[in-house]
Amino acid sequence: MDENRLAVISIIVEDRSSAAQINALLSEYGDCIVGRMGVPYRQKHISVMCIIADAPADVLNRLTGKIGSLQGVTAKTLFGRF
C-alpha cells in the first residue's frame, strides 16, 4: 500500500460550465479531502480553488489529472514532504 502524502491542489477555472464536473470529482474523492477554499475573481471572470488532500500520490495525481482535463480548467499539485 502506498504511503499517504499531504498535498495542495490548485485549480483555476476559466469556464464555469465545468463547475458541476469539478464538484462531482471532489465528491468522488471526498475521503481524501481535508479542506477546500474557492474564491471568485470577478474582475478576471475566473475562480481559484485550493484543495488540501491527504492520500497516496497516485490517487492525488489521478484526481488532479481528471480535474485538469476539464474544459477551461487548469490544475496543479504541490506535495508536502510529510
N, C-alpha and C. Protein backbone atom coordinates (compact mmCIF):
# COMPACT_ATOMS: atom_id res chain seq x y z
N MET A 1 0.84 -1.19 0.00
CA MET A 1 0.00 0.00 0.00
C MET A 1 0.88 1.25 0.00
N ASP A 2 0.52 2.20 -0.84
CA ASP A 2 1.28 3.45 -0.92
C ASP A 2 1.07 4.29 0.32
N GLU A 3 2.11 5.01 0.69
CA GLU A 3 2.04 5.90 1.83
C GLU A 3 1.30 7.18 1.44
N ASN A 4 0.48 7.68 2.34
CA ASN A 4 -0.25 8.91 2.07
C ASN A 4 0.69 10.10 2.02
N ARG A 5 0.33 11.07 1.20
CA ARG A 5 1.07 12.32 1.07
C ARG A 5 0.10 13.47 1.30
N LEU A 6 0.58 14.51 1.93
CA LEU A 6 -0.21 15.72 2.09
C LEU A 6 0.07 16.59 0.88
N ALA A 7 -0.98 17.15 0.29
CA ALA A 7 -0.81 17.94 -0.93
C ALA A 7 -1.83 19.07 -0.99
N VAL A 8 -1.47 20.05 -1.80
CA VAL A 8 -2.37 21.14 -2.11
C VAL A 8 -2.60 21.10 -3.62
N ILE A 9 -3.87 21.02 -4.01
CA ILE A 9 -4.22 21.05 -5.43
C ILE A 9 -4.76 22.44 -5.72
N SER A 10 -4.09 23.15 -6.61
CA SER A 10 -4.51 24.49 -7.02
C SER A 10 -5.25 24.38 -8.34
N ILE A 11 -6.41 25.02 -8.40
CA ILE A 11 -7.27 24.92 -9.58
C ILE A 11 -7.67 26.32 -10.02
N ILE A 12 -7.52 26.61 -11.31
CA ILE A 12 -8.02 27.84 -11.89
C ILE A 12 -9.11 27.47 -12.89
N VAL A 13 -10.29 28.04 -12.68
CA VAL A 13 -11.45 27.72 -13.50
C VAL A 13 -11.78 28.93 -14.38
N GLU A 14 -11.56 28.77 -15.68
CA GLU A 14 -11.88 29.84 -16.63
C GLU A 14 -13.25 29.62 -17.27
N ASP A 15 -13.73 28.40 -17.27
CA ASP A 15 -15.02 28.06 -17.88
C ASP A 15 -15.94 27.51 -16.79
N ARG A 16 -16.85 28.36 -16.32
CA ARG A 16 -17.73 27.98 -15.20
C ARG A 16 -18.63 26.80 -15.52
N SER A 17 -18.80 26.47 -16.78
CA SER A 17 -19.64 25.33 -17.11
C SER A 17 -19.02 24.02 -16.63
N SER A 18 -17.75 24.03 -16.24
CA SER A 18 -17.08 22.84 -15.70
C SER A 18 -17.27 22.69 -14.19
N ALA A 19 -17.91 23.65 -13.55
CA ALA A 19 -18.03 23.64 -12.08
C ALA A 19 -18.72 22.38 -11.56
N ALA A 20 -19.79 21.95 -12.20
CA ALA A 20 -20.51 20.76 -11.73
C ALA A 20 -19.62 19.52 -11.81
N GLN A 21 -18.82 19.42 -12.87
CA GLN A 21 -17.92 18.27 -13.02
C GLN A 21 -16.82 18.31 -11.96
N ILE A 22 -16.31 19.50 -11.67
CA ILE A 22 -15.29 19.63 -10.62
C ILE A 22 -15.87 19.18 -9.28
N ASN A 23 -17.04 19.67 -8.95
CA ASN A 23 -17.67 19.30 -7.68
C ASN A 23 -17.96 17.81 -7.60
N ALA A 24 -18.35 17.20 -8.73
CA ALA A 24 -18.59 15.75 -8.75
C ALA A 24 -17.30 14.99 -8.47
N LEU A 25 -16.20 15.43 -9.07
CA LEU A 25 -14.91 14.77 -8.82
C LEU A 25 -14.47 14.95 -7.38
N LEU A 26 -14.65 16.14 -6.83
CA LEU A 26 -14.26 16.38 -5.44
C LEU A 26 -15.12 15.53 -4.50
N SER A 27 -16.36 15.33 -4.83
CA SER A 27 -17.22 14.45 -4.02
C SER A 27 -16.76 13.00 -4.12
N GLU A 28 -16.41 12.59 -5.33
CA GLU A 28 -15.93 11.22 -5.56
C GLU A 28 -14.67 10.93 -4.74
N TYR A 29 -13.80 11.91 -4.60
CA TYR A 29 -12.56 11.76 -3.86
C TYR A 29 -12.66 12.38 -2.46
N GLY A 30 -13.85 12.56 -1.97
CA GLY A 30 -14.10 13.25 -0.71
C GLY A 30 -13.40 12.66 0.49
N ASP A 31 -13.16 11.36 0.49
CA ASP A 31 -12.50 10.72 1.64
C ASP A 31 -11.08 11.21 1.86
N CYS A 32 -10.44 11.73 0.81
CA CYS A 32 -9.05 12.18 0.96
C CYS A 32 -8.94 13.70 1.07
N ILE A 33 -10.06 14.41 0.99
CA ILE A 33 -10.01 15.87 1.05
C ILE A 33 -10.12 16.34 2.49
N VAL A 34 -9.13 17.13 2.91
CA VAL A 34 -9.07 17.68 4.26
C VAL A 34 -9.84 19.00 4.32
N GLY A 35 -9.71 19.81 3.28
CA GLY A 35 -10.38 21.10 3.23
C GLY A 35 -10.32 21.69 1.84
N ARG A 36 -11.18 22.68 1.61
CA ARG A 36 -11.20 23.33 0.31
C ARG A 36 -11.63 24.77 0.46
N MET A 37 -11.13 25.60 -0.46
CA MET A 37 -11.49 27.01 -0.47
C MET A 37 -11.63 27.42 -1.93
N GLY A 38 -12.66 28.18 -2.22
CA GLY A 38 -12.85 28.70 -3.56
C GLY A 38 -13.10 30.20 -3.50
N VAL A 39 -12.44 30.92 -4.40
CA VAL A 39 -12.57 32.38 -4.43
C VAL A 39 -12.88 32.81 -5.85
N PRO A 40 -14.02 33.46 -6.06
CA PRO A 40 -14.29 34.01 -7.40
C PRO A 40 -13.49 35.29 -7.60
N TYR A 41 -12.82 35.39 -8.72
CA TYR A 41 -12.07 36.60 -9.06
C TYR A 41 -12.86 37.27 -10.19
N ARG A 42 -13.85 38.04 -9.78
CA ARG A 42 -14.83 38.58 -10.71
C ARG A 42 -14.21 39.48 -11.78
N GLN A 43 -13.21 40.27 -11.42
CA GLN A 43 -12.59 41.18 -12.38
C GLN A 43 -11.96 40.43 -13.56
N LYS A 44 -11.49 39.21 -13.30
CA LYS A 44 -10.86 38.40 -14.34
C LYS A 44 -11.80 37.33 -14.90
N HIS A 45 -13.00 37.24 -14.33
CA HIS A 45 -14.00 36.24 -14.76
C HIS A 45 -13.48 34.81 -14.62
N ILE A 46 -12.78 34.55 -13.51
CA ILE A 46 -12.28 33.21 -13.21
C ILE A 46 -12.59 32.90 -11.75
N SER A 47 -12.38 31.64 -11.38
CA SER A 47 -12.44 31.23 -9.98
C SER A 47 -11.15 30.49 -9.66
N VAL A 48 -10.69 30.64 -8.43
CA VAL A 48 -9.48 29.97 -7.97
C VAL A 48 -9.86 29.09 -6.80
N MET A 49 -9.45 27.83 -6.85
CA MET A 49 -9.75 26.88 -5.78
C MET A 49 -8.46 26.32 -5.22
N CYS A 50 -8.50 26.00 -3.93
CA CYS A 50 -7.38 25.39 -3.24
C CYS A 50 -7.94 24.18 -2.47
N ILE A 51 -7.42 23.01 -2.78
CA ILE A 51 -7.87 21.77 -2.15
C ILE A 51 -6.70 21.21 -1.34
N ILE A 52 -6.92 20.93 -0.07
CA ILE A 52 -5.92 20.26 0.75
C ILE A 52 -6.34 18.79 0.84
N ALA A 53 -5.42 17.90 0.48
CA ALA A 53 -5.76 16.49 0.42
C ALA A 53 -4.67 15.64 1.06
N ASP A 54 -5.06 14.46 1.54
CA ASP A 54 -4.16 13.51 2.17
C ASP A 54 -4.49 12.13 1.61
N ALA A 55 -3.62 11.64 0.72
CA ALA A 55 -3.86 10.36 0.04
C ALA A 55 -2.56 9.91 -0.62
N PRO A 56 -2.53 8.67 -1.12
CA PRO A 56 -1.35 8.24 -1.87
C PRO A 56 -1.13 9.13 -3.10
N ALA A 57 0.12 9.30 -3.49
CA ALA A 57 0.46 10.19 -4.61
C ALA A 57 -0.28 9.82 -5.89
N ASP A 58 -0.45 8.52 -6.16
CA ASP A 58 -1.12 8.14 -7.41
C ASP A 58 -2.59 8.57 -7.40
N VAL A 59 -3.23 8.54 -6.24
CA VAL A 59 -4.62 8.99 -6.14
C VAL A 59 -4.70 10.49 -6.36
N LEU A 60 -3.80 11.24 -5.74
CA LEU A 60 -3.79 12.69 -5.90
C LEU A 60 -3.48 13.08 -7.34
N ASN A 61 -2.55 12.39 -7.97
CA ASN A 61 -2.24 12.67 -9.37
C ASN A 61 -3.41 12.34 -10.29
N ARG A 62 -4.11 11.27 -9.98
CA ARG A 62 -5.29 10.90 -10.78
C ARG A 62 -6.38 11.97 -10.67
N LEU A 63 -6.64 12.44 -9.44
CA LEU A 63 -7.64 13.48 -9.23
C LEU A 63 -7.24 14.76 -9.97
N THR A 64 -5.99 15.17 -9.82
CA THR A 64 -5.51 16.38 -10.49
C THR A 64 -5.63 16.25 -12.01
N GLY A 65 -5.28 15.10 -12.53
CA GLY A 65 -5.38 14.87 -13.97
C GLY A 65 -6.80 14.95 -14.48
N LYS A 66 -7.73 14.36 -13.74
CA LYS A 66 -9.14 14.40 -14.14
C LYS A 66 -9.67 15.83 -14.12
N ILE A 67 -9.31 16.58 -13.07
CA ILE A 67 -9.77 17.97 -12.98
C ILE A 67 -9.14 18.81 -14.08
N GLY A 68 -7.84 18.65 -14.29
CA GLY A 68 -7.13 19.43 -15.29
C GLY A 68 -7.53 19.13 -16.72
N SER A 69 -8.16 17.98 -16.95
CA SER A 69 -8.59 17.63 -18.30
C SER A 69 -9.93 18.25 -18.67
N LEU A 70 -10.60 18.88 -17.71
CA LEU A 70 -11.89 19.50 -17.98
C LEU A 70 -11.70 20.78 -18.79
N GLN A 71 -12.71 21.11 -19.58
CA GLN A 71 -12.69 22.31 -20.43
C GLN A 71 -12.51 23.57 -19.60
N GLY A 72 -11.50 24.38 -19.92
CA GLY A 72 -11.30 25.67 -19.27
C GLY A 72 -10.81 25.58 -17.84
N VAL A 73 -10.16 24.46 -17.48
CA VAL A 73 -9.69 24.26 -16.11
C VAL A 73 -8.20 23.90 -16.13
N THR A 74 -7.44 24.51 -15.22
CA THR A 74 -6.03 24.18 -15.03
C THR A 74 -5.87 23.71 -13.58
N ALA A 75 -5.13 22.62 -13.39
CA ALA A 75 -4.92 22.10 -12.04
C ALA A 75 -3.47 21.63 -11.88
N LYS A 76 -2.88 21.96 -10.75
CA LYS A 76 -1.51 21.55 -10.41
C LYS A 76 -1.48 21.11 -8.95
N THR A 77 -0.60 20.17 -8.63
CA THR A 77 -0.48 19.66 -7.28
C THR A 77 0.91 19.96 -6.72
N LEU A 78 0.91 20.40 -5.48
CA LEU A 78 2.15 20.61 -4.73
C LEU A 78 2.15 19.63 -3.57
N PHE A 79 3.16 18.74 -3.53
CA PHE A 79 3.25 17.74 -2.48
C PHE A 79 4.12 18.23 -1.34
N GLY A 80 3.67 17.95 -0.11
CA GLY A 80 4.47 18.25 1.05
C GLY A 80 5.47 17.13 1.30
N ARG A 81 6.42 17.35 2.17
CA ARG A 81 7.44 16.35 2.50
C ARG A 81 7.13 15.70 3.84
N PHE A 82 5.91 15.31 4.03
CA PHE A 82 5.48 14.74 5.31
C PHE A 82 5.24 13.26 5.16
